[in-house]
Amino acid sequence: LSCSLNGSGTLQITLNEKDARSLA
């Protein structure tokens, strides 16, 4: 999975899901 780490200790993870509604 792709991710980014900011300076405040938060890791933003991008999921491999293309249908956002299915995750609601």
PDB file of all heavy atoms in Angstrom:
ATOM      1  N   LEU A   1       0.846  -1.198   0.000  1.00  0.00           N
ATOM      2  CA  LEU A   1       0.000   0.000   0.000  1.00  0.00           C
ATOM      3  C   LEU A   1       0.875   1.240   0.000  1.00  0.00           C
ATOM      4  O   LEU A   1       1.960   1.236   0.579  1.00  0.00           O
ATOM      5  CB  LEU A   1      -0.909   0.022   1.228  1.00  0.00           C
ATOM      6  CG  LEU A   1      -1.901  -1.129   1.362  1.00  0.00           C
ATOM      7  CD1 LEU A   1      -2.698  -0.986   2.654  1.00  0.00           C
ATOM      8  CD2 LEU A   1      -2.831  -1.198   0.170  1.00  0.00           C
ATOM      9  N   SER A   2       0.408   2.300  -0.630  1.00  0.00           N
ATOM     10  CA  SER A   2       1.164   3.543  -0.576  1.00  0.00           C
ATOM     11  C   SER A   2       0.788   4.289   0.704  1.00  0.00           C
ATOM     12  O   SER A   2      -0.300   4.111   1.251  1.00  0.00           O
ATOM     13  CB  SER A   2       0.921   4.394  -1.821  1.00  0.00           C
ATOM     14  OG  SER A   2      -0.421   4.779  -1.886  1.00  0.00           O
ATOM     15  N   CYS A   3       1.724   5.110   1.167  1.00  0.00           N
ATOM     16  CA  CYS A   3       1.495   5.833   2.413  1.00  0.00           C
ATOM     17  C   CYS A   3       2.328   7.105   2.433  1.00  0.00           C
ATOM     18  O   CYS A   3       3.217   7.294   1.606  1.00  0.00           O
ATOM     19  CB  CYS A   3       1.856   4.956   3.610  1.00  0.00           C
ATOM     20  SG  CYS A   3       3.627   4.621   3.755  1.00  0.00           S
ATOM     21  N   SER A   4       2.009   7.961   3.380  1.00  0.00           N
ATOM     22  CA  SER A   4       2.831   9.144   3.629  1.00  0.00           C
ATOM     23  C   SER A   4       2.824   9.387   5.129  1.00  0.00           C
ATOM     24  O   SER A   4       1.839   9.125   5.817  1.00  0.00           O
ATOM     25  CB  SER A   4       2.308  10.363   2.862  1.00  0.00           C
ATOM     26  OG  SER A   4       0.992  10.666   3.263  1.00  0.00           O
ATOM     27  N   LEU A   5       3.937   9.865   5.631  1.00  0.00           N
ATOM     28  CA  LEU A   5       4.121  10.106   7.062  1.00  0.00           C
ATOM     29  C   LEU A   5       4.356  11.588   7.258  1.00  0.00           C
ATOM     30  O   LEU A   5       5.249  12.165   6.633  1.00  0.00           O
ATOM     31  CB  LEU A   5       5.319   9.299   7.565  1.00  0.00           C
ATOM     32  CG  LEU A   5       5.654   9.364   9.040  1.00  0.00           C
ATOM     33  CD1 LEU A   5       4.504   8.799   9.879  1.00  0.00           C
ATOM     34  CD2 LEU A   5       6.926   8.577   9.316  1.00  0.00           C
ATOM     35  N   ASN A   6       3.531  12.220   8.107  1.00  0.00           N
ATOM     36  CA  ASN A   6       3.764  13.642   8.353  1.00  0.00           C
ATOM     37  C   ASN A   6       4.551  13.828   9.647  1.00  0.00           C
ATOM     38  O   ASN A   6       4.752  12.878  10.406  1.00  0.00           O
ATOM     39  CB  ASN A   6       2.459  14.444   8.337  1.00  0.00           C
ATOM     40  CG  ASN A   6       1.585  14.182   9.533  1.00  0.00           C
ATOM     41  OD1 ASN A   6       2.023  13.735  10.575  1.00  0.00           O
ATOM     42  ND2 ASN A   6       0.305  14.453   9.382  1.00  0.00           N
ATOM     43  N   GLY A   7       4.980  15.019   9.903  1.00  0.00           N
ATOM     44  CA  GLY A   7       5.838  15.307  11.044  1.00  0.00           C
ATOM     45  C   GLY A   7       5.170  15.146  12.392  1.00  0.00           C
ATOM     46  O   GLY A   7       5.845  15.082  13.415  1.00  0.00           O
ATOM     47  N   SER A   8       3.852  15.051  12.433  1.00  0.00           N
ATOM     48  CA  SER A   8       3.157  14.919  13.721  1.00  0.00           C
ATOM     49  C   SER A   8       2.881  13.464  14.092  1.00  0.00           C
ATOM     50  O   SER A   8       2.116  13.195  15.013  1.00  0.00           O
ATOM     51  CB  SER A   8       1.844  15.714  13.693  1.00  0.00           C
ATOM     52  OG  SER A   8       0.957  15.152  12.755  1.00  0.00           O
ATOM     53  N   GLY A   9       3.483  12.538  13.379  1.00  0.00           N
ATOM     54  CA  GLY A   9       3.316  11.124  13.712  1.00  0.00           C
ATOM     55  C   GLY A   9       2.057  10.496  13.171  1.00  0.00           C
ATOM     56  O   GLY A   9       1.574   9.508  13.706  1.00  0.00           O
ATOM     57  N   THR A  10       1.506  11.047  12.098  1.00  0.00           N
ATOM     58  CA  THR A  10       0.318  10.473  11.461  1.00  0.00           C
ATOM     59  C   THR A  10       0.724   9.812  10.149  1.00  0.00           C
ATOM     60  O   THR A  10       1.378  10.426   9.319  1.00  0.00           O
ATOM     61  CB  THR A  10      -0.741  11.557  11.186  1.00  0.00           C
ATOM     62  OG1 THR A  10      -1.123  12.160  12.419  1.00  0.00           O
ATOM     63  CG2 THR A  10      -1.964  10.963  10.515  1.00  0.00           C
ATOM     64  N   LEU A  11       0.330   8.570  10.002  1.00  0.00           N
ATOM     65  CA  LEU A  11       0.595   7.820   8.780  1.00  0.00           C
ATOM     66  C   LEU A  11      -0.690   7.777   7.971  1.00  0.00           C
ATOM     67  O   LEU A  11      -1.727   7.314   8.452  1.00  0.00           O
ATOM     68  CB  LEU A  11       1.056   6.402   9.115  1.00  0.00           C
ATOM     69  CG  LEU A  11       1.480   5.530   7.933  1.00  0.00           C
ATOM     70  CD1 LEU A  11       2.749   6.080   7.293  1.00  0.00           C
ATOM     71  CD2 LEU A  11       1.688   4.095   8.392  1.00  0.00           C
ATOM     72  N   GLN A  12      -0.649   8.314   6.748  1.00  0.00           N
ATOM     73  CA  GLN A  12      -1.792   8.298   5.833  1.00  0.00           C
ATOM     74  C   GLN A  12      -1.601   7.107   4.901  1.00  0.00           C
ATOM     75  O   GLN A  12      -0.640   7.055   4.144  1.00  0.00           O
ATOM     76  CB  GLN A  12      -1.854   9.597   5.034  1.00  0.00           C
ATOM     77  CG  GLN A  12      -2.966   9.659   4.035  1.00  0.00           C
ATOM     78  CD  GLN A  12      -4.255  10.202   4.618  1.00  0.00           C
ATOM     79  OE1 GLN A  12      -4.297  10.651   5.742  1.00  0.00           O
ATOM     80  NE2 GLN A  12      -5.307  10.153   3.847  1.00  0.00           N
ATOM     81  N   ILE A  13      -2.518   6.149   4.965  1.00  0.00           N
ATOM     82  CA  ILE A  13      -2.432   4.927   4.172  1.00  0.00           C
ATOM     83  C   ILE A  13      -3.501   4.972   3.085  1.00  0.00           C
ATOM     84  O   ILE A  13      -4.671   5.254   3.362  1.00  0.00           O
ATOM     85  CB  ILE A  13      -2.642   3.675   5.047  1.00  0.00           C
ATOM     86  CG1 ILE A  13      -1.584   3.626   6.158  1.00  0.00           C
ATOM     87  CG2 ILE A  13      -2.597   2.412   4.201  1.00  0.00           C
ATOM     88  CD1 ILE A  13      -1.865   2.573   7.210  1.00  0.00           C
ATOM     89  N   THR A  14      -3.097   4.714   1.851  1.00  0.00           N
ATOM     90  CA  THR A  14      -4.029   4.650   0.726  1.00  0.00           C
ATOM     91  C   THR A  14      -4.370   3.189   0.476  1.00  0.00           C
ATOM     92  O   THR A  14      -3.483   2.377   0.222  1.00  0.00           O
ATOM     93  CB  THR A  14      -3.395   5.273  -0.532  1.00  0.00           C
ATOM     94  OG1 THR A  14      -3.050   6.628  -0.243  1.00  0.00           O
ATOM     95  CG2 THR A  14      -4.355   5.226  -1.709  1.00  0.00           C
ATOM     96  N   LEU A  15      -5.654   2.871   0.563  1.00  0.00           N
ATOM     97  CA  LEU A  15      -6.097   1.491   0.361  1.00  0.00           C
ATOM     98  C   LEU A  15      -6.263   1.193  -1.126  1.00  0.00           C
ATOM     99  O   LEU A  15      -6.445   2.101  -1.926  1.00  0.00           O
ATOM    100  CB  LEU A  15      -7.424   1.260   1.090  1.00  0.00           C
ATOM    101  CG  LEU A  15      -7.411   1.557   2.591  1.00  0.00           C
ATOM    102  CD1 LEU A  15      -8.813   1.379   3.169  1.00  0.00           C
ATOM    103  CD2 LEU A  15      -6.413   0.682   3.312  1.00  0.00           C
ATOM    104  N   ASN A  16      -6.228  -0.076  -1.471  1.00  0.00           N
ATOM    105  CA  ASN A  16      -6.365  -0.498  -2.873  1.00  0.00           C
ATOM    106  C   ASN A  16      -7.816  -0.696  -3.269  1.00  0.00           C
ATOM    107  O   ASN A  16      -8.109  -1.493  -4.142  1.00  0.00           O
ATOM    108  CB  ASN A  16      -5.591  -1.802  -3.111  1.00  0.00           C
ATOM    109  CG  ASN A  16      -4.106  -1.584  -3.093  1.00  0.00           C
ATOM    110  OD1 ASN A  16      -3.628  -0.493  -3.378  1.00  0.00           O
ATOM    111  ND2 ASN A  16      -3.359  -2.610  -2.721  1.00  0.00           N
ATOM    112  N   GLU A  17      -8.720   0.019  -2.673  1.00  0.00           N
ATOM    113  CA  GLU A  17     -10.149  -0.108  -2.976  1.00  0.00           C
ATOM    114  C   GLU A  17     -10.551   1.001  -3.932  1.00  0.00           C
ATOM    115  O   GLU A  17     -10.238   2.165  -3.718  1.00  0.00           O
ATOM    116  CB  GLU A  17     -10.957  -0.001  -1.681  1.00  0.00           C
ATOM    117  CG  GLU A  17     -12.433  -0.133  -1.862  1.00  0.00           C
ATOM    118  CD  GLU A  17     -12.867  -1.496  -2.377  1.00  0.00           C
ATOM    119  OE1 GLU A  17     -12.384  -2.518  -1.858  1.00  0.00           O
ATOM    120  OE2 GLU A  17     -13.686  -1.531  -3.310  1.00  0.00           O
ATOM    121  N   LYS A  18     -11.243   0.662  -4.997  1.00  0.00           N
ATOM    122  CA  LYS A  18     -11.665   1.655  -5.997  1.00  0.00           C
ATOM    123  C   LYS A  18     -13.093   2.141  -5.776  1.00  0.00           C
ATOM    124  O   LYS A  18     -13.492   3.164  -6.295  1.00  0.00           O
ATOM    125  CB  LYS A  18     -11.527   1.084  -7.411  1.00  0.00           C
ATOM    126  CG  LYS A  18     -10.102   0.695  -7.759  1.00  0.00           C
ATOM    127  CD  LYS A  18      -9.170   1.883  -7.656  1.00  0.00           C
ATOM    128  CE  LYS A  18      -7.746   1.477  -7.941  1.00  0.00           C
ATOM    129  NZ  LYS A  18      -6.783   2.378  -7.340  1.00  0.00           N
ATOM    130  N   ASP A  19     -13.892   1.386  -5.007  1.00  0.00           N
ATOM    131  CA  ASP A  19     -15.286   1.743  -4.767  1.00  0.00           C
ATOM    132  C   ASP A  19     -15.441   2.266  -3.342  1.00  0.00           C
ATOM    133  O   ASP A  19     -15.599   1.490  -2.404  1.00  0.00           O
ATOM    134  CB  ASP A  19     -16.185   0.534  -5.009  1.00  0.00           C
ATOM    135  CG  ASP A  19     -17.653   0.836  -4.767  1.00  0.00           C
ATOM    136  OD1 ASP A  19     -18.022   2.031  -4.683  1.00  0.00           O
ATOM    137  OD2 ASP A  19     -18.432  -0.126  -4.662  1.00  0.00           O
ATOM    138  N   ALA A  20     -15.393   3.572  -3.182  1.00  0.00           N
ATOM    139  CA  ALA A  20     -15.461   4.188  -1.859  1.00  0.00           C
ATOM    140  C   ALA A  20     -16.768   3.849  -1.151  1.00  0.00           C
ATOM    141  O   ALA A  20     -16.796   3.633   0.060  1.00  0.00           O
ATOM    142  CB  ALA A  20     -15.304   5.709  -1.979  1.00  0.00           C
ATOM    143  N   ARG A  21     -17.859   3.786  -1.892  1.00  0.00           N
ATOM    144  CA  ARG A  21     -19.169   3.530  -1.287  1.00  0.00           C
ATOM    145  C   ARG A  21     -19.213   2.157  -0.606  1.00  0.00           C
ATOM    146  O   ARG A  21     -19.865   1.983   0.422  1.00  0.00           O
ATOM    147  CB  ARG A  21     -20.264   3.627  -2.339  1.00  0.00           C
ATOM    148  CG  ARG A  21     -21.669   3.557  -1.771  1.00  0.00           C
ATOM    149  CD  ARG A  21     -22.728   3.730  -2.849  1.00  0.00           C
ATOM    150  NE  ARG A  21     -22.643   4.984  -3.558  1.00  0.00           N
ATOM    151  CZ  ARG A  21     -23.173   6.133  -3.151  1.00  0.00           C
ATOM    152  NH1 ARG A  21     -23.807   6.176  -2.017  1.00  0.00           N
ATOM    153  NH2 ARG A  21     -23.052   7.222  -3.875  1.00  0.00           N
ATOM    154  N   SER A  22     -18.502   1.172  -1.150  1.00  0.00           N
ATOM    155  CA  SER A  22     -18.537  -0.178  -0.575  1.00  0.00           C
ATOM    156  C   SER A  22     -17.877  -0.230   0.804  1.00  0.00           C
ATOM    157  O   SER A  22     -18.079  -1.181   1.548  1.00  0.00           O
ATOM    158  CB  SER A  22     -17.857  -1.176  -1.515  1.00  0.00           C
ATOM    159  OG  SER A  22     -16.452  -0.977  -1.529  1.00  0.00           O
ATOM    160  N   LEU A  23     -17.103   0.794   1.142  1.00  0.00           N
ATOM    161  CA  LEU A  23     -16.434   0.828   2.444  1.00  0.00           C
ATOM    162  C   LEU A  23     -17.223   1.593   3.503  1.00  0.00           C
ATOM    163  O   LEU A  23     -16.828   1.618   4.669  1.00  0.00           O
ATOM    164  CB  LEU A  23     -15.051   1.461   2.303  1.00  0.00           C
ATOM    165  CG  LEU A  23     -14.062   0.708   1.429  1.00  0.00           C
ATOM    166  CD1 LEU A  23     -12.770   1.485   1.302  1.00  0.00           C
ATOM    167  CD2 LEU A  23     -13.805  -0.679   1.977  1.00  0.00           C
ATOM    168  N   ALA A  24     -18.335   2.211   3.117  1.00  0.00           N
ATOM    169  CA  ALA A  24     -19.116   3.036   4.046  1.00  0.00           C
ATOM    170  C   ALA A  24     -19.484   2.253   5.301  1.00  0.00           C
ATOM    171  O   ALA A  24     -19.972   1.123   5.222  1.00  0.00           O
ATOM    172  CB  ALA A  24     -20.383   3.542   3.357  1.00  0.00           C
TER     173      ALA A  24
END
